[in-house]
Structures are given as C-alpha cells and as structure tokens.
Protein backbone atom coordinates (compact mmCIF):
# COMPACT_ATOMS: atom_id res chain seq x y z
CA UNK A 1 109.93 103.00 105.27
CA UNK A 2 111.05 99.36 106.07
CA UNK A 3 112.78 97.28 102.99
CA UNK A 4 112.46 94.18 102.22
CA UNK A 5 110.34 91.40 103.37
CA UNK A 6 111.74 90.60 106.82
CA UNK A 7 111.97 94.29 107.93
CA UNK A 8 108.16 94.71 106.88
CA UNK A 9 106.86 91.38 108.75
CA UNK A 10 108.76 93.07 111.81
CA UNK A 11 107.61 96.52 111.33
CA UNK A 12 103.51 95.03 111.30
CA UNK A 13 104.76 92.89 114.35
CA UNK A 14 105.11 96.70 116.63
CA UNK A 15 101.78 97.85 114.48
CA UNK A 16 100.28 95.16 116.23
CA UNK A 17 101.97 95.15 119.81
CA UNK A 18 101.64 99.03 119.94
CA UNK A 19 97.73 98.75 118.35
CA UNK A 20 97.66 95.90 121.26
CA UNK A 21 99.38 97.68 124.19
CA UNK A 22 101.44 94.73 124.30
CA UNK A 23 105.34 95.57 125.38
CA UNK A 24 108.37 92.88 124.10
CA UNK A 25 107.71 91.81 128.10
CA UNK A 26 104.41 90.32 127.69
CA UNK A 27 104.82 89.05 124.06
CA UNK A 28 107.37 87.20 124.91
CA UNK A 29 105.59 85.55 127.98
CA UNK A 30 102.59 85.05 126.03
CA UNK A 31 104.53 83.43 122.51
CA UNK A 32 107.78 81.36 124.79
CA UNK A 33 109.57 84.27 122.41
CA UNK A 34 112.57 85.10 124.76
CA UNK A 35 111.94 89.04 124.96
CA UNK A 36 115.80 89.94 123.84
CA UNK A 37 115.15 87.81 120.44
CA UNK A 38 111.69 89.98 120.32
CA UNK A 39 113.81 92.85 120.79
CA UNK A 40 116.96 92.35 118.38
CA UNK A 41 113.90 91.47 115.17
CA UNK A 42 112.00 94.27 116.04
CA UNK A 43 115.54 96.26 115.51
CA UNK A 44 116.24 94.23 112.37
CA UNK A 45 119.36 92.60 113.86
CA UNK A 46 117.87 89.41 112.60
CA UNK A 47 114.56 88.12 111.74
CA UNK A 48 111.51 86.20 112.19
CA UNK A 49 111.34 82.45 111.87
CA UNK A 50 107.61 81.49 110.81
CA UNK A 51 107.37 79.64 113.55
CA UNK A 52 107.25 82.90 115.43
CA UNK A 53 105.62 84.71 113.14
CA UNK A 54 103.13 81.77 113.72
CA UNK A 55 102.95 82.15 117.45
CA UNK A 56 103.11 86.22 117.64
CA UNK A 57 100.11 85.71 114.73
CA UNK A 58 97.85 83.68 116.98
CA UNK A 59 98.93 85.51 120.10
CA UNK A 60 97.02 88.53 117.95
CA UNK A 61 94.31 86.76 116.53
CA UNK A 62 95.02 87.16 112.67
CA UNK A 63 95.50 85.12 110.77
CA UNK A 64 100.11 84.54 110.13
CA UNK A 65 99.62 84.50 106.19
CA UNK A 66 97.67 87.79 106.73
CA UNK A 67 100.30 89.32 108.35
CA UNK A 68 102.65 88.00 106.08
CA UNK A 69 100.10 89.36 103.20
CA UNK A 70 99.88 93.25 104.83
CA UNK A 71 103.65 93.30 105.21
CA UNK A 72 104.32 92.31 101.59
CA UNK A 73 101.68 95.43 100.54
CA UNK A 74 103.55 97.63 102.62
CA UNK A 75 107.07 96.06 100.58
CA UNK A 76 105.16 97.06 97.51
CA UNK A 77 103.45 100.14 98.26
CA UNK A 78 107.21 101.60 99.00
CA UNK A 79 108.62 100.19 95.58
C-alpha cells in the first residue's frame, strides 16, 4: 500500500494506466511528460508535480481534483 499522498497519487495514475491499457510511452506522448520522468515517478523516485497531474488527469478525462481525492481516500483508509 502506498505511503503518503505523493505515492498514492502515483498509484492512482498507475491504476488509470492499467484500466485504460496505456503504457508509459503512450502517456508520455499524450501528455508531453518525458517517459523517463513518468517511469521514475511511478517507481516513487520522485513526485508528480501539479501541472503533470493536471495533464495526466485531462488525458484520462478525469478532474485533477478527483484524482487527488481518490489518492487521499487511499491514504486515509490505510491509516
């Protein structure tokens, strides 16, 4: 289970990618975020920035606030 909000956001992005069958390369192409950065952030080596969360959420057709809210619920349910 992810720890902290940043890790939970990365987990939600990973879930969206799986649900929509989107690879890191495809997400990079669609959002303009370098694939290497996406990979590092999904591994927890660094955090997604707010602008990146917004671009990713828009790609998946979700509100960025909802994406973060889903992540927050995951953090709180693990406490």
